[in-house]
């Protein structure tokens, strides 16, 4: 699944580790989401959506 997590993270000047701390996941999980090797669970997608203040469908989408 395509996503704009990296763009949103860098716009807010967050490192992968800092975002991981905010989401209560590992830095490796953030990296895997950003590189589209891992699709987050629905609860994690909602948490990401809330953190960035955007609807899920604006962050995650099918190519």
PDB file of N, CA and C in Angstrom:
ATOM      1  N   UNK A   1       0.840  -1.171   0.000  1.00  0.00           N
ATOM      2  CA  UNK A   1       0.000   0.000   0.000  1.00  0.00           C
ATOM      3  C   UNK A   1       0.893   1.246   0.000  1.00  0.00           C
ATOM      4  N   UNK A   2       0.576   2.168  -0.855  1.00  0.00           N
ATOM      5  CA  UNK A   2       1.324   3.419  -0.937  1.00  0.00           C
ATOM      6  C   UNK A   2       0.959   4.306   0.257  1.00  0.00           C
ATOM      7  N   UNK A   3       1.896   5.192   0.632  1.00  0.00           N
ATOM      8  CA  UNK A   3       1.600   6.113   1.725  1.00  0.00           C
ATOM      9  C   UNK A   3       2.516   7.326   1.651  1.00  0.00           C
ATOM     10  N   UNK A   4       2.162   8.346   2.417  1.00  0.00           N
ATOM     11  CA  UNK A   4       2.958   9.576   2.475  1.00  0.00           C
ATOM     12  C   UNK A   4       3.506   9.807   3.882  1.00  0.00           C
ATOM     13  N   UNK A   5       3.706   8.741   4.628  1.00  0.00           N
ATOM     14  CA  UNK A   5       4.178   8.867   6.006  1.00  0.00           C
ATOM     15  C   UNK A   5       5.535   9.568   6.057  1.00  0.00           C
ATOM     16  N   UNK A   6       6.455   9.190   5.188  1.00  0.00           N
ATOM     17  CA  UNK A   6       7.790   9.822   5.207  1.00  0.00           C
ATOM     18  C   UNK A   6       7.681  11.320   4.960  1.00  0.00           C
ATOM     19  N   UNK A   7       6.876  11.714   4.001  1.00  0.00           N
ATOM     20  CA  UNK A   7       6.711  13.139   3.700  1.00  0.00           C
ATOM     21  C   UNK A   7       6.135  13.886   4.898  1.00  0.00           C
ATOM     22  N   UNK A   8       5.121  13.294   5.527  1.00  0.00           N
ATOM     23  CA  UNK A   8       4.506  13.931   6.696  1.00  0.00           C
ATOM     24  C   UNK A   8       5.504  14.021   7.849  1.00  0.00           C
ATOM     25  N   UNK A   9       6.272  12.971   8.037  1.00  0.00           N
ATOM     26  CA  UNK A   9       7.267  12.946   9.121  1.00  0.00           C
ATOM     27  C   UNK A   9       8.331  14.022   8.899  1.00  0.00           C
ATOM     28  N   UNK A  10       8.854  14.101   7.678  1.00  0.00           N
ATOM     29  CA  UNK A  10       9.918  15.073   7.420  1.00  0.00           C
ATOM     30  C   UNK A  10       9.398  16.510   7.448  1.00  0.00           C
ATOM     31  N   UNK A  11       8.153  16.730   7.056  1.00  0.00           N
ATOM     32  CA  UNK A  11       7.564  18.069   7.144  1.00  0.00           C
ATOM     33  C   UNK A  11       7.542  18.561   8.593  1.00  0.00           C
ATOM     34  N   UNK A  12       7.396  17.622   9.513  1.00  0.00           N
ATOM     35  CA  UNK A  12       7.341  17.974  10.937  1.00  0.00           C
ATOM     36  C   UNK A  12       8.701  17.835  11.615  1.00  0.00           C
ATOM     37  N   UNK A  13       9.733  17.610  10.811  1.00  0.00           N
ATOM     38  CA  UNK A  13      11.105  17.507  11.299  1.00  0.00           C
ATOM     39  C   UNK A  13      11.249  16.438  12.389  1.00  0.00           C
ATOM     40  N   UNK A  14      10.607  15.292  12.154  1.00  0.00           N
ATOM     41  CA  UNK A  14      10.693  14.166  13.081  1.00  0.00           C
ATOM     42  C   UNK A  14      11.628  13.106  12.511  1.00  0.00           C
ATOM     43  N   UNK A  15      12.429  12.519  13.348  1.00  0.00           N
ATOM     44  CA  UNK A  15      13.217  11.362  12.929  1.00  0.00           C
ATOM     45  C   UNK A  15      12.310  10.138  12.952  1.00  0.00           C
ATOM     46  N   UNK A  16      12.766   9.064  12.335  1.00  0.00           N
ATOM     47  CA  UNK A  16      11.995   7.828  12.411  1.00  0.00           C
ATOM     48  C   UNK A  16      11.858   7.377  13.859  1.00  0.00           C
ATOM     49  N   UNK A  17      12.898   7.538  14.644  1.00  0.00           N
ATOM     50  CA  UNK A  17      12.864   7.137  16.050  1.00  0.00           C
ATOM     51  C   UNK A  17      11.855   7.971  16.843  1.00  0.00           C
ATOM     52  N   UNK A  18      11.820   9.273  16.565  1.00  0.00           N
ATOM     53  CA  UNK A  18      10.873  10.142  17.275  1.00  0.00           C
ATOM     54  C   UNK A  18       9.434   9.778  16.919  1.00  0.00           C
ATOM     55  N   UNK A  19       9.185   9.521  15.649  1.00  0.00           N
ATOM     56  CA  UNK A  19       7.839   9.115  15.237  1.00  0.00           C
ATOM     57  C   UNK A  19       7.485   7.774  15.859  1.00  0.00           C
ATOM     58  N   UNK A  20       8.433   6.865  15.877  1.00  0.00           N
ATOM     59  CA  UNK A  20       8.200   5.557  16.486  1.00  0.00           C
ATOM     60  C   UNK A  20       7.808   5.703  17.955  1.00  0.00           C
ATOM     61  N   UNK A  21       8.484   6.583  18.669  1.00  0.00           N
ATOM     62  CA  UNK A  21       8.146   6.821  20.077  1.00  0.00           C
ATOM     63  C   UNK A  21       6.724   7.343  20.215  1.00  0.00           C
ATOM     64  N   UNK A  22       6.337   8.276  19.347  1.00  0.00           N
ATOM     65  CA  UNK A  22       4.980   8.835  19.398  1.00  0.00           C
ATOM     66  C   UNK A  22       3.917   7.777  19.099  1.00  0.00           C
ATOM     67  N   UNK A  23       4.263   6.824  18.242  1.00  0.00           N
ATOM     68  CA  UNK A  23       3.321   5.783  17.840  1.00  0.00           C
ATOM     69  C   UNK A  23       3.420   4.528  18.705  1.00  0.00           C
ATOM     70  N   UNK A  24       4.414   4.480  19.582  1.00  0.00           N
ATOM     71  CA  UNK A  24       4.663   3.318  20.440  1.00  0.00           C
ATOM     72  C   UNK A  24       4.958   2.064  19.616  1.00  0.00           C
ATOM     73  N   UNK A  25       5.797   2.242  18.597  1.00  0.00           N
ATOM     74  CA  UNK A  25       6.269   1.130  17.763  1.00  0.00           C
ATOM     75  C   UNK A  25       7.782   1.265  17.632  1.00  0.00           C
ATOM     76  N   UNK A  26       8.422   0.309  16.985  1.00  0.00           N
ATOM     77  CA  UNK A  26       9.866   0.383  16.778  1.00  0.00           C
ATOM     78  C   UNK A  26      10.199   1.286  15.585  1.00  0.00           C
ATOM     79  N   UNK A  27      11.445   1.765  15.566  1.00  0.00           N
ATOM     80  CA  UNK A  27      11.892   2.559  14.427  1.00  0.00           C
ATOM     81  C   UNK A  27      11.855   1.721  13.155  1.00  0.00           C
ATOM     82  N   UNK A  28      12.124   0.428  13.303  1.00  0.00           N
ATOM     83  CA  UNK A  28      12.087  -0.471  12.156  1.00  0.00           C
ATOM     84  C   UNK A  28      10.680  -0.561  11.566  1.00  0.00           C
ATOM     85  N   UNK A  29       9.660  -0.491  12.416  1.00  0.00           N
ATOM     86  CA  UNK A  29       8.274  -0.499  11.933  1.00  0.00           C
ATOM     87  C   UNK A  29       7.991   0.750  11.112  1.00  0.00           C
ATOM     88  N   UNK A  30       8.426   1.894  11.604  1.00  0.00           N
ATOM     89  CA  UNK A  30       8.240   3.147  10.857  1.00  0.00           C
ATOM     90  C   UNK A  30       8.955   3.046   9.518  1.00  0.00           C
ATOM     91  N   UNK A  31      10.190   2.546   9.517  1.00  0.00           N
ATOM     92  CA  UNK A  31      10.940   2.396   8.271  1.00  0.00           C
ATOM     93  C   UNK A  31      10.206   1.469   7.302  1.00  0.00           C
ATOM     94  N   UNK A  32       9.685   0.358   7.801  1.00  0.00           N
ATOM     95  CA  UNK A  32       8.980  -0.604   6.943  1.00  0.00           C
ATOM     96  C   UNK A  32       7.706  -0.005   6.358  1.00  0.00           C
ATOM     97  N   UNK A  33       7.006   0.802   7.139  1.00  0.00           N
ATOM     98  CA  UNK A  33       5.799   1.472   6.627  1.00  0.00           C
ATOM     99  C   UNK A  33       6.201   2.464   5.530  1.00  0.00           C
ATOM    100  N   UNK A  34       7.216   3.265   5.808  1.00  0.00           N
ATOM    101  CA  UNK A  34       7.644   4.285   4.837  1.00  0.00           C
ATOM    102  C   UNK A  34       8.131   3.678   3.532  1.00  0.00           C
ATOM    103  N   UNK A  35       8.770   2.529   3.598  1.00  0.00           N
ATOM    104  CA  UNK A  35       9.292   1.892   2.391  1.00  0.00           C
ATOM    105  C   UNK A  35       8.288   0.911   1.786  1.00  0.00           C
ATOM    106  N   UNK A  36       7.083   0.918   2.323  1.00  0.00           N
ATOM    107  CA  UNK A  36       5.948   0.129   1.809  1.00  0.00           C
ATOM    108  C   UNK A  36       6.204  -1.372   1.854  1.00  0.00           C
ATOM    109  N   UNK A  37       7.005  -1.801   2.826  1.00  0.00           N
ATOM    110  CA  UNK A  37       7.230  -3.232   3.039  1.00  0.00           C
ATOM    111  C   UNK A  37       6.284  -3.791   4.100  1.00  0.00           C
ATOM    112  N   UNK A  38       5.546  -2.899   4.771  1.00  0.00           N
ATOM    113  CA  UNK A  38       4.648  -3.305   5.844  1.00  0.00           C
ATOM    114  C   UNK A  38       3.424  -2.406   5.823  1.00  0.00           C
ATOM    115  N   UNK A  39       2.245  -3.008   5.843  1.00  0.00           N
ATOM    116  CA  UNK A  39       1.003  -2.250   5.964  1.00  0.00           C
ATOM    117  C   UNK A  39       0.608  -2.242   7.433  1.00  0.00           C
ATOM    118  N   UNK A  40       0.405  -1.049   8.001  1.00  0.00           N
ATOM    119  CA  UNK A  40       0.082  -0.994   9.418  1.00  0.00           C
ATOM    120  C   UNK A  40      -1.293  -1.599   9.711  1.00  0.00           C
ATOM    121  N   UNK A  41      -1.455  -2.043  10.946  1.00  0.00           N
ATOM    122  CA  UNK A  41      -2.771  -2.518  11.381  1.00  0.00           C
ATOM    123  C   UNK A  41      -3.740  -1.336  11.348  1.00  0.00           C
ATOM    124  N   UNK A  42      -5.005  -1.627  11.362  1.00  0.00           N
ATOM    125  CA  UNK A  42      -6.010  -0.561  11.344  1.00  0.00           C
ATOM    126  C   UNK A  42      -5.872   0.354  12.565  1.00  0.00           C
ATOM    127  N   UNK A  43      -5.696  -0.184  13.781  1.00  0.00           N
ATOM    128  CA  UNK A  43      -5.501   0.721  14.924  1.00  0.00           C
ATOM    129  C   UNK A  43      -4.272   1.624  14.760  1.00  0.00           C
ATOM    130  N   UNK A  44      -3.176   1.076  14.223  1.00  0.00           N
ATOM    131  CA  UNK A  44      -1.981   1.896  14.012  1.00  0.00           C
ATOM    132  C   UNK A  44      -2.230   2.943  12.931  1.00  0.00           C
ATOM    133  N   UNK A  45      -2.938   2.582  11.883  1.00  0.00           N
ATOM    134  CA  UNK A  45      -3.273   3.552  10.831  1.00  0.00           C
ATOM    135  C   UNK A  45      -4.119   4.688  11.394  1.00  0.00           C
ATOM    136  N   UNK A  46      -5.056   4.376  12.275  1.00  0.00           N
ATOM    137  CA  UNK A  46      -5.867   5.416  12.918  1.00  0.00           C
ATOM    138  C   UNK A  46      -4.998   6.315  13.795  1.00  0.00           C
ATOM    139  N   UNK A  47      -4.038   5.735  14.495  1.00  0.00           N
ATOM    140  CA  UNK A  47      -3.143   6.525  15.337  1.00  0.00           C
ATOM    141  C   UNK A  47      -2.296   7.466  14.486  1.00  0.00           C
ATOM    142  N   UNK A  48      -1.783   6.966  13.372  1.00  0.00           N
ATOM    143  CA  UNK A  48      -1.004   7.804  12.454  1.00  0.00           C
ATOM    144  C   UNK A  48      -1.882   8.932  11.912  1.00  0.00           C
ATOM    145  N   UNK A  49      -3.096   8.592  11.534  1.00  0.00           N
ATOM    146  CA  UNK A  49      -4.039   9.575  11.018  1.00  0.00           C
ATOM    147  C   UNK A  49      -4.304  10.680  12.039  1.00  0.00           C
ATOM    148  N   UNK A  50      -4.545  10.288  13.263  1.00  0.00           N
ATOM    149  CA  UNK A  50      -4.822  11.263  14.330  1.00  0.00           C
ATOM    150  C   UNK A  50      -3.595  12.131  14.593  1.00  0.00           C
ATOM    151  N   UNK A  51      -2.424  11.517  14.634  1.00  0.00           N
ATOM    152  CA  UNK A  51      -1.190  12.254  14.897  1.00  0.00           C
ATOM    153  C   UNK A  51      -0.957  13.346  13.859  1.00  0.00           C
ATOM    154  N   UNK A  52      -1.181  13.028  12.588  1.00  0.00           N
ATOM    155  CA  UNK A  52      -0.930  13.995  11.523  1.00  0.00           C
ATOM    156  C   UNK A  52      -2.156  14.842  11.176  1.00  0.00           C
ATOM    157  N   UNK A  53      -3.298  14.541  11.797  1.00  0.00           N
ATOM    158  CA  UNK A  53      -4.489  15.355  11.568  1.00  0.00           C
ATOM    159  C   UNK A  53      -5.066  15.231  10.171  1.00  0.00           C
ATOM    160  N   UNK A  54      -4.933  14.046   9.594  1.00  0.00           N
ATOM    161  CA  UNK A  54      -5.448  13.798   8.247  1.00  0.00           C
ATOM    162  C   UNK A  54      -6.271  12.520   8.236  1.00  0.00           C
ATOM    163  N   UNK A  55      -7.259  12.419   7.347  1.00  0.00           N
ATOM    164  CA  UNK A  55      -7.993  11.157   7.212  1.00  0.00           C
ATOM    165  C   UNK A  55      -7.069  10.045   6.721  1.00  0.00           C
ATOM    166  N   UNK A  56      -7.349   8.846   7.119  1.00  0.00           N
ATOM    167  CA  UNK A  56      -6.526   7.692   6.720  1.00  0.00           C
ATOM    168  C   UNK A  56      -6.343   7.640   5.208  1.00  0.00           C
ATOM    169  N   UNK A  57      -7.415   7.893   4.455  1.00  0.00           N
ATOM    170  CA  UNK A  57      -7.331   7.768   2.999  1.00  0.00           C
ATOM    171  C   UNK A  57      -6.464   8.854   2.356  1.00  0.00           C
ATOM    172  N   UNK A  58      -6.091   9.892   3.100  1.00  0.00           N
ATOM    173  CA  UNK A  58      -5.158  10.892   2.587  1.00  0.00           C
ATOM    174  C   UNK A  58      -3.702  10.476   2.838  1.00  0.00           C
ATOM    175  N   UNK A  59      -3.513   9.532   3.753  1.00  0.00           N
ATOM    176  CA  UNK A  59      -2.167   9.072   4.105  1.00  0.00           C
ATOM    177  C   UNK A  59      -1.848   7.743   3.410  1.00  0.00           C
ATOM    178  N   UNK A  60      -2.815   6.838   3.384  1.00  0.00           N
ATOM    179  CA  UNK A  60      -2.625   5.511   2.802  1.00  0.00           C
ATOM    180  C   UNK A  60      -3.571   5.347   1.622  1.00  0.00           C
ATOM    181  N   UNK A  61      -3.053   4.802   0.537  1.00  0.00           N
ATOM    182  CA  UNK A  61      -3.895   4.623  -0.648  1.00  0.00           C
ATOM    183  C   UNK A  61      -3.349   3.488  -1.515  1.00  0.00           C
ATOM    184  N   UNK A  62      -4.224   2.942  -2.318  1.00  0.00           N
ATOM    185  CA  UNK A  62      -3.839   1.875  -3.242  1.00  0.00           C
ATOM    186  C   UNK A  62      -3.334   2.511  -4.521  1.00  0.00           C
ATOM    187  N   UNK A  63      -2.244   1.984  -5.042  1.00  0.00           N
ATOM    188  CA  UNK A  63      -1.653   2.529  -6.262  1.00  0.00           C
ATOM    189  C   UNK A  63      -2.534   2.239  -7.457  1.00  0.00           C
TER     190      UNK A  63
END
